[in-house]
Amino acid sequence: RAQISDASGTPRDVHAKYIVGADGANSLV
């Protein structure tokens, strides 16, 4: 269960079976 801020800054909740961090050397994941 992930909390995401969309392009407008609006918070969104997303449910996924899996999450993959491809977010680089300073990975938040």
PDB file of all heavy atoms in Angstrom:
ATOM      1  N   ARG A   1       0.859  -1.174   0.000  1.00  0.00           N
ATOM      2  CA  ARG A   1       0.000   0.000   0.000  1.00  0.00           C
ATOM      3  C   ARG A   1       0.902   1.233   0.000  1.00  0.00           C
ATOM      4  O   ARG A   1       1.625   1.500   0.954  1.00  0.00           O
ATOM      5  CB  ARG A   1      -0.909  -0.012   1.239  1.00  0.00           C
ATOM      6  CG  ARG A   1      -2.225   0.711   1.042  1.00  0.00           C
ATOM      7  CD  ARG A   1      -3.204   0.376   2.154  1.00  0.00           C
ATOM      8  NE  ARG A   1      -3.787  -0.940   2.023  1.00  0.00           N
ATOM      9  CZ  ARG A   1      -4.802  -1.233   1.224  1.00  0.00           C
ATOM     10  NH1 ARG A   1      -5.313  -0.298   0.449  1.00  0.00           N
ATOM     11  NH2 ARG A   1      -5.299  -2.443   1.176  1.00  0.00           N
ATOM     12  N   ALA A   2       0.871   1.962  -1.125  1.00  0.00           N
ATOM     13  CA  ALA A   2       1.806   3.078  -1.319  1.00  0.00           C
ATOM     14  C   ALA A   2       1.075   4.407  -1.311  1.00  0.00           C
ATOM     15  O   ALA A   2      -0.073   4.511  -1.770  1.00  0.00           O
ATOM     16  CB  ALA A   2       2.556   2.907  -2.629  1.00  0.00           C
ATOM     17  N   GLN A   3       1.770   5.415  -0.804  1.00  0.00           N
ATOM     18  CA  GLN A   3       1.257   6.784  -0.819  1.00  0.00           C
ATOM     19  C   GLN A   3       2.041   7.560  -1.879  1.00  0.00           C
ATOM     20  O   GLN A   3       3.271   7.625  -1.833  1.00  0.00           O
ATOM     21  CB  GLN A   3       1.407   7.448   0.545  1.00  0.00           C
ATOM     22  CG  GLN A   3       0.639   6.763   1.671  1.00  0.00           C
ATOM     23  CD  GLN A   3       1.333   5.517   2.190  1.00  0.00           C
ATOM     24  OE1 GLN A   3       2.526   5.551   2.508  1.00  0.00           O
ATOM     25  NE2 GLN A   3       0.597   4.408   2.294  1.00  0.00           N
ATOM     26  N   ILE A   4       1.302   8.111  -2.830  1.00  0.00           N
ATOM     27  CA  ILE A   4       1.903   8.783  -3.974  1.00  0.00           C
ATOM     28  C   ILE A   4       1.360  10.197  -4.074  1.00  0.00           C
ATOM     29  O   ILE A   4       0.180  10.434  -3.831  1.00  0.00           O
ATOM     30  CB  ILE A   4       1.600   8.000  -5.273  1.00  0.00           C
ATOM     31  CG1 ILE A   4       2.323   6.650  -5.244  1.00  0.00           C
ATOM     32  CG2 ILE A   4       2.002   8.785  -6.518  1.00  0.00           C
ATOM     33  CD1 ILE A   4       1.924   5.726  -6.365  1.00  0.00           C
ATOM     34  N   SER A   5       2.219  11.125  -4.444  1.00  0.00           N
ATOM     35  CA  SER A   5       1.798  12.488  -4.761  1.00  0.00           C
ATOM     36  C   SER A   5       1.818  12.627  -6.280  1.00  0.00           C
ATOM     37  O   SER A   5       2.858  12.424  -6.912  1.00  0.00           O
ATOM     38  CB  SER A   5       2.753  13.500  -4.126  1.00  0.00           C
ATOM     39  OG  SER A   5       2.420  14.813  -4.501  1.00  0.00           O
ATOM     40  N   ASP A   6       0.658  12.931  -6.889  1.00  0.00           N
ATOM     41  CA  ASP A   6       0.612  13.018  -8.356  1.00  0.00           C
ATOM     42  C   ASP A   6       1.192  14.349  -8.839  1.00  0.00           C
ATOM     43  O   ASP A   6       1.680  15.171  -8.046  1.00  0.00           O
ATOM     44  CB  ASP A   6      -0.802  12.776  -8.878  1.00  0.00           C
ATOM     45  CG  ASP A   6      -1.783  13.889  -8.522  1.00  0.00           C
ATOM     46  OD1 ASP A   6      -1.342  14.975  -8.112  1.00  0.00           O
ATOM     47  OD2 ASP A   6      -3.006  13.659  -8.669  1.00  0.00           O
ATOM     48  N   ALA A   7       1.165  14.567 -10.148  1.00  0.00           N
ATOM     49  CA  ALA A   7       1.818  15.734 -10.727  1.00  0.00           C
ATOM     50  C   ALA A   7       1.259  17.052 -10.211  1.00  0.00           C
ATOM     51  O   ALA A   7       1.942  18.076 -10.202  1.00  0.00           O
ATOM     52  CB  ALA A   7       1.704  15.679 -12.249  1.00  0.00           C
ATOM     53  N   SER A   8       0.006  17.035  -9.743  1.00  0.00           N
ATOM     54  CA  SER A   8      -0.607  18.255  -9.206  1.00  0.00           C
ATOM     55  C   SER A   8      -0.354  18.419  -7.721  1.00  0.00           C
ATOM     56  O   SER A   8      -0.766  19.416  -7.123  1.00  0.00           O
ATOM     57  CB  SER A   8      -2.114  18.224  -9.466  1.00  0.00           C
ATOM     58  OG  SER A   8      -2.740  17.218  -8.679  1.00  0.00           O
ATOM     59  N   GLY A   9       0.310  17.421  -7.100  1.00  0.00           N
ATOM     60  CA  GLY A   9       0.553  17.462  -5.665  1.00  0.00           C
ATOM     61  C   GLY A   9      -0.528  16.802  -4.848  1.00  0.00           C
ATOM     62  O   GLY A   9      -0.458  16.768  -3.618  1.00  0.00           O
ATOM     63  N   THR A  10      -1.529  16.249  -5.520  1.00  0.00           N
ATOM     64  CA  THR A  10      -2.630  15.588  -4.817  1.00  0.00           C
ATOM     65  C   THR A  10      -2.184  14.223  -4.301  1.00  0.00           C
ATOM     66  O   THR A  10      -1.631  13.425  -5.061  1.00  0.00           O
ATOM     67  CB  THR A  10      -3.831  15.399  -5.763  1.00  0.00           C
ATOM     68  OG1 THR A  10      -4.200  16.672  -6.295  1.00  0.00           O
ATOM     69  CG2 THR A  10      -5.003  14.772  -5.026  1.00  0.00           C
ATOM     70  N   PRO A  11      -2.410  13.922  -3.018  1.00  0.00           N
ATOM     71  CA  PRO A  11      -2.026  12.606  -2.498  1.00  0.00           C
ATOM     72  C   PRO A  11      -2.946  11.504  -3.022  1.00  0.00           C
ATOM     73  O   PRO A  11      -4.153  11.699  -3.156  1.00  0.00           O
ATOM     74  CB  PRO A  11      -2.157  12.775  -0.983  1.00  0.00           C
ATOM     75  CG  PRO A  11      -3.116  13.898  -0.798  1.00  0.00           C
ATOM     76  CD  PRO A  11      -2.947  14.810  -1.965  1.00  0.00           C
ATOM     77  N   ARG A  12      -2.352  10.353  -3.327  1.00  0.00           N
ATOM     78  CA  ARG A  12      -3.093   9.193  -3.831  1.00  0.00           C
ATOM     79  C   ARG A  12      -2.614   7.949  -3.103  1.00  0.00           C
ATOM     80  O   ARG A  12      -1.444   7.825  -2.758  1.00  0.00           O
ATOM     81  CB  ARG A  12      -2.855   8.990  -5.336  1.00  0.00           C
ATOM     82  CG  ARG A  12      -3.118  10.226  -6.195  1.00  0.00           C
ATOM     83  CD  ARG A  12      -4.581  10.381  -6.502  1.00  0.00           C
ATOM     84  NE  ARG A  12      -4.819  11.466  -7.449  1.00  0.00           N
ATOM     85  CZ  ARG A  12      -6.004  11.787  -7.921  1.00  0.00           C
ATOM     86  NH1 ARG A  12      -7.076  11.101  -7.546  1.00  0.00           N
ATOM     87  NH2 ARG A  12      -6.141  12.784  -8.767  1.00  0.00           N
ATOM     88  N   ASP A  13      -3.531   7.012  -2.888  1.00  0.00           N
ATOM     89  CA  ASP A  13      -3.180   5.704  -2.345  1.00  0.00           C
ATOM     90  C   ASP A  13      -3.273   4.680  -3.470  1.00  0.00           C
ATOM     91  O   ASP A  13      -4.263   4.647  -4.215  1.00  0.00           O
ATOM     92  CB  ASP A  13      -4.125   5.303  -1.208  1.00  0.00           C
ATOM     93  CG  ASP A  13      -3.874   6.107   0.060  1.00  0.00           C
ATOM     94  OD1 ASP A  13      -2.753   6.622   0.212  1.00  0.00           O
ATOM     95  OD2 ASP A  13      -4.799   6.220   0.884  1.00  0.00           O
ATOM     96  N   VAL A  14      -2.244   3.857  -3.588  1.00  0.00           N
ATOM     97  CA  VAL A  14      -2.209   2.822  -4.616  1.00  0.00           C
ATOM     98  C   VAL A  14      -1.897   1.491  -3.956  1.00  0.00           C
ATOM     99  O   VAL A  14      -0.969   1.394  -3.140  1.00  0.00           O
ATOM    100  CB  VAL A  14      -1.149   3.127  -5.702  1.00  0.00           C
ATOM    101  CG1 VAL A  14      -1.016   1.967  -6.674  1.00  0.00           C
ATOM    102  CG2 VAL A  14      -1.494   4.414  -6.441  1.00  0.00           C
ATOM    103  N   HIS A  15      -2.683   0.473  -4.297  1.00  0.00           N
ATOM    104  CA  HIS A  15      -2.419  -0.881  -3.809  1.00  0.00           C
ATOM    105  C   HIS A  15      -1.807  -1.695  -4.935  1.00  0.00           C
ATOM    106  O   HIS A  15      -2.353  -1.765  -6.041  1.00  0.00           O
ATOM    107  CB  HIS A  15      -3.702  -1.558  -3.319  1.00  0.00           C
ATOM    108  CG  HIS A  15      -3.443  -2.885  -2.659  1.00  0.00           C
ATOM    109  ND1 HIS A  15      -3.416  -4.064  -3.360  1.00  0.00           N
ATOM    110  CD2 HIS A  15      -3.189  -3.207  -1.365  1.00  0.00           C
ATOM    111  CE1 HIS A  15      -3.163  -5.064  -2.531  1.00  0.00           C
ATOM    112  NE2 HIS A  15      -3.020  -4.570  -1.309  1.00  0.00           N
ATOM    113  N   ALA A  16      -0.637  -2.282  -4.677  1.00  0.00           N
ATOM    114  CA  ALA A  16       0.059  -3.093  -5.670  1.00  0.00           C
ATOM    115  C   ALA A  16       0.412  -4.442  -5.067  1.00  0.00           C
ATOM    116  O   ALA A  16       0.546  -4.580  -3.845  1.00  0.00           O
ATOM    117  CB  ALA A  16       1.323  -2.384  -6.144  1.00  0.00           C
ATOM    118  N   LYS A  17       0.568  -5.418  -5.935  1.00  0.00           N
ATOM    119  CA  LYS A  17       1.036  -6.719  -5.452  1.00  0.00           C
ATOM    120  C   LYS A  17       2.527  -6.658  -5.108  1.00  0.00           C
ATOM    121  O   LYS A  17       2.980  -7.292  -4.158  1.00  0.00           O
ATOM    122  CB  LYS A  17       0.770  -7.789  -6.507  1.00  0.00           C
ATOM    123  CG  LYS A  17      -0.715  -8.057  -6.752  1.00  0.00           C
ATOM    124  CD  LYS A  17      -0.928  -9.058  -7.871  1.00  0.00           C
ATOM    125  CE  LYS A  17      -2.421  -9.273  -8.114  1.00  0.00           C
ATOM    126  NZ  LYS A  17      -2.686 -10.167  -9.277  1.00  0.00           N
ATOM    127  N   TYR A  18       3.280  -5.861  -5.903  1.00  0.00           N
ATOM    128  CA  TYR A  18       4.724  -5.726  -5.688  1.00  0.00           C
ATOM    129  C   TYR A  18       5.149  -4.300  -6.012  1.00  0.00           C
ATOM    130  O   TYR A  18       4.500  -3.596  -6.798  1.00  0.00           O
ATOM    131  CB  TYR A  18       5.511  -6.717  -6.571  1.00  0.00           C
ATOM    132  CG  TYR A  18       5.143  -8.158  -6.285  1.00  0.00           C
ATOM    133  CD1 TYR A  18       4.222  -8.825  -7.090  1.00  0.00           C
ATOM    134  CD2 TYR A  18       5.690  -8.835  -5.204  1.00  0.00           C
ATOM    135  CE1 TYR A  18       3.860 -10.136  -6.820  1.00  0.00           C
ATOM    136  CE2 TYR A  18       5.335 -10.141  -4.928  1.00  0.00           C
ATOM    137  CZ  TYR A  18       4.413 -10.785  -5.733  1.00  0.00           C
ATOM    138  OH  TYR A  18       4.050 -12.071  -5.463  1.00  0.00           O
ATOM    139  N   ILE A  19       6.269  -3.883  -5.424  1.00  0.00           N
ATOM    140  CA  ILE A  19       6.850  -2.578  -5.723  1.00  0.00           C
ATOM    141  C   ILE A  19       8.302  -2.796  -6.122  1.00  0.00           C
ATOM    142  O   ILE A  19       9.001  -3.629  -5.532  1.00  0.00           O
ATOM    143  CB  ILE A  19       6.745  -1.612  -4.516  1.00  0.00           C
ATOM    144  CG1 ILE A  19       7.277  -0.227  -4.893  1.00  0.00           C
ATOM    145  CG2 ILE A  19       7.468  -2.156  -3.293  1.00  0.00           C
ATOM    146  CD1 ILE A  19       7.006   0.837  -3.816  1.00  0.00           C
ATOM    147  N   VAL A  20       8.756  -2.059  -7.137  1.00  0.00           N
ATOM    148  CA  VAL A  20      10.144  -2.153  -7.604  1.00  0.00           C
ATOM    149  C   VAL A  20      10.748  -0.758  -7.568  1.00  0.00           C
ATOM    150  O   VAL A  20      10.217   0.178  -8.177  1.00  0.00           O
ATOM    151  CB  VAL A  20      10.224  -2.724  -9.037  1.00  0.00           C
ATOM    152  CG1 VAL A  20      11.682  -2.779  -9.490  1.00  0.00           C
ATOM    153  CG2 VAL A  20       9.606  -4.110  -9.110  1.00  0.00           C
ATOM    154  N   GLY A  21      11.862  -0.632  -6.873  1.00  0.00           N
ATOM    155  CA  GLY A  21      12.590   0.626  -6.829  1.00  0.00           C
ATOM    156  C   GLY A  21      13.649   0.666  -7.922  1.00  0.00           C
ATOM    157  O   GLY A  21      14.651  -0.052  -7.850  1.00  0.00           O
ATOM    158  N   ALA A  22      13.391   1.489  -8.945  1.00  0.00           N
ATOM    159  CA  ALA A  22      14.377   1.757  -9.987  1.00  0.00           C
ATOM    160  C   ALA A  22      14.730   3.233  -9.903  1.00  0.00           C
ATOM    161  O   ALA A  22      14.914   3.909 -10.912  1.00  0.00           O
ATOM    162  CB  ALA A  22      13.815   1.401 -11.363  1.00  0.00           C
ATOM    163  N   ASP A  23      14.786   3.721  -8.671  1.00  0.00           N
ATOM    164  CA  ASP A  23      14.871   5.159  -8.418  1.00  0.00           C
ATOM    165  C   ASP A  23      16.281   5.638  -8.088  1.00  0.00           C
ATOM    166  O   ASP A  23      16.471   6.621  -7.375  1.00  0.00           O
ATOM    167  CB  ASP A  23      13.884   5.573  -7.326  1.00  0.00           C
ATOM    168  CG  ASP A  23      13.936   4.703  -6.079  1.00  0.00           C
ATOM    169  OD1 ASP A  23      14.487   3.585  -6.140  1.00  0.00           O
ATOM    170  OD2 ASP A  23      13.393   5.128  -5.042  1.00  0.00           O
ATOM    171  N   GLY A  24      17.278   4.950  -8.613  1.00  0.00           N
ATOM    172  CA  GLY A  24      18.630   5.475  -8.619  1.00  0.00           C
ATOM    173  C   GLY A  24      19.415   5.334  -7.336  1.00  0.00           C
ATOM    174  O   GLY A  24      18.971   4.722  -6.355  1.00  0.00           O
ATOM    175  N   ALA A  25      20.604   5.924  -7.361  1.00  0.00           N
ATOM    176  CA  ALA A  25      21.557   5.763  -6.258  1.00  0.00           C
ATOM    177  C   ALA A  25      21.026   6.278  -4.929  1.00  0.00           C
ATOM    178  O   ALA A  25      21.360   5.750  -3.865  1.00  0.00           O
ATOM    179  CB  ALA A  25      22.862   6.463  -6.613  1.00  0.00           C
ATOM    180  N   ASN A  26      20.196   7.314  -4.964  1.00  0.00           N
ATOM    181  CA  ASN A  26      19.615   7.864  -3.735  1.00  0.00           C
ATOM    182  C   ASN A  26      18.207   7.323  -3.513  1.00  0.00           C
ATOM    183  O   ASN A  26      17.315   8.035  -3.054  1.00  0.00           O
ATOM    184  CB  ASN A  26      19.602   9.386  -3.815  1.00  0.00           C
ATOM    185  CG  ASN A  26      20.995   9.965  -3.912  1.00  0.00           C
ATOM    186  OD1 ASN A  26      21.893   9.579  -3.164  1.00  0.00           O
ATOM    187  ND2 ASN A  26      21.199  10.889  -4.842  1.00  0.00           N
ATOM    188  N   SER A  27      18.021   6.055  -3.795  1.00  0.00           N
ATOM    189  CA  SER A  27      16.711   5.406  -3.806  1.00  0.00           C
ATOM    190  C   SER A  27      15.908   5.622  -2.520  1.00  0.00           C
ATOM    191  O   SER A  27      16.352   5.275  -1.423  1.00  0.00           O
ATOM    192  CB  SER A  27      16.908   3.898  -4.029  1.00  0.00           C
ATOM    193  OG  SER A  27      15.711   3.194  -3.834  1.00  0.00           O
ATOM    194  N   LEU A  28      14.708   6.171  -2.685  1.00  0.00           N
ATOM    195  CA  LEU A  28      13.784   6.285  -1.556  1.00  0.00           C
ATOM    196  C   LEU A  28      13.249   4.917  -1.172  1.00  0.00           C
ATOM    197  O   LEU A  28      13.063   4.628   0.013  1.00  0.00           O
ATOM    198  CB  LEU A  28      12.632   7.230  -1.912  1.00  0.00           C
ATOM    199  CG  LEU A  28      11.541   7.387  -0.849  1.00  0.00           C
ATOM    200  CD1 LEU A  28      12.118   7.943   0.452  1.00  0.00           C
ATOM    201  CD2 LEU A  28      10.407   8.269  -1.368  1.00  0.00           C
ATOM    202  N   VAL A  29      13.008   4.063  -2.162  1.00  0.00           N
ATOM    203  CA  VAL A  29      12.514   2.713  -1.858  1.00  0.00           C
ATOM    204  C   VAL A  29      13.508   1.982  -0.970  1.00  0.00           C
ATOM    205  O   VAL A  29      13.134   1.377   0.044  1.00  0.00           O
ATOM    206  CB  VAL A  29      12.256   1.923  -3.166  1.00  0.00           C
ATOM    207  CG1 VAL A  29      11.879   0.471  -2.839  1.00  0.00           C
ATOM    208  CG2 VAL A  29      11.156   2.580  -3.989  1.00  0.00           C
TER     209      VAL A  29
END
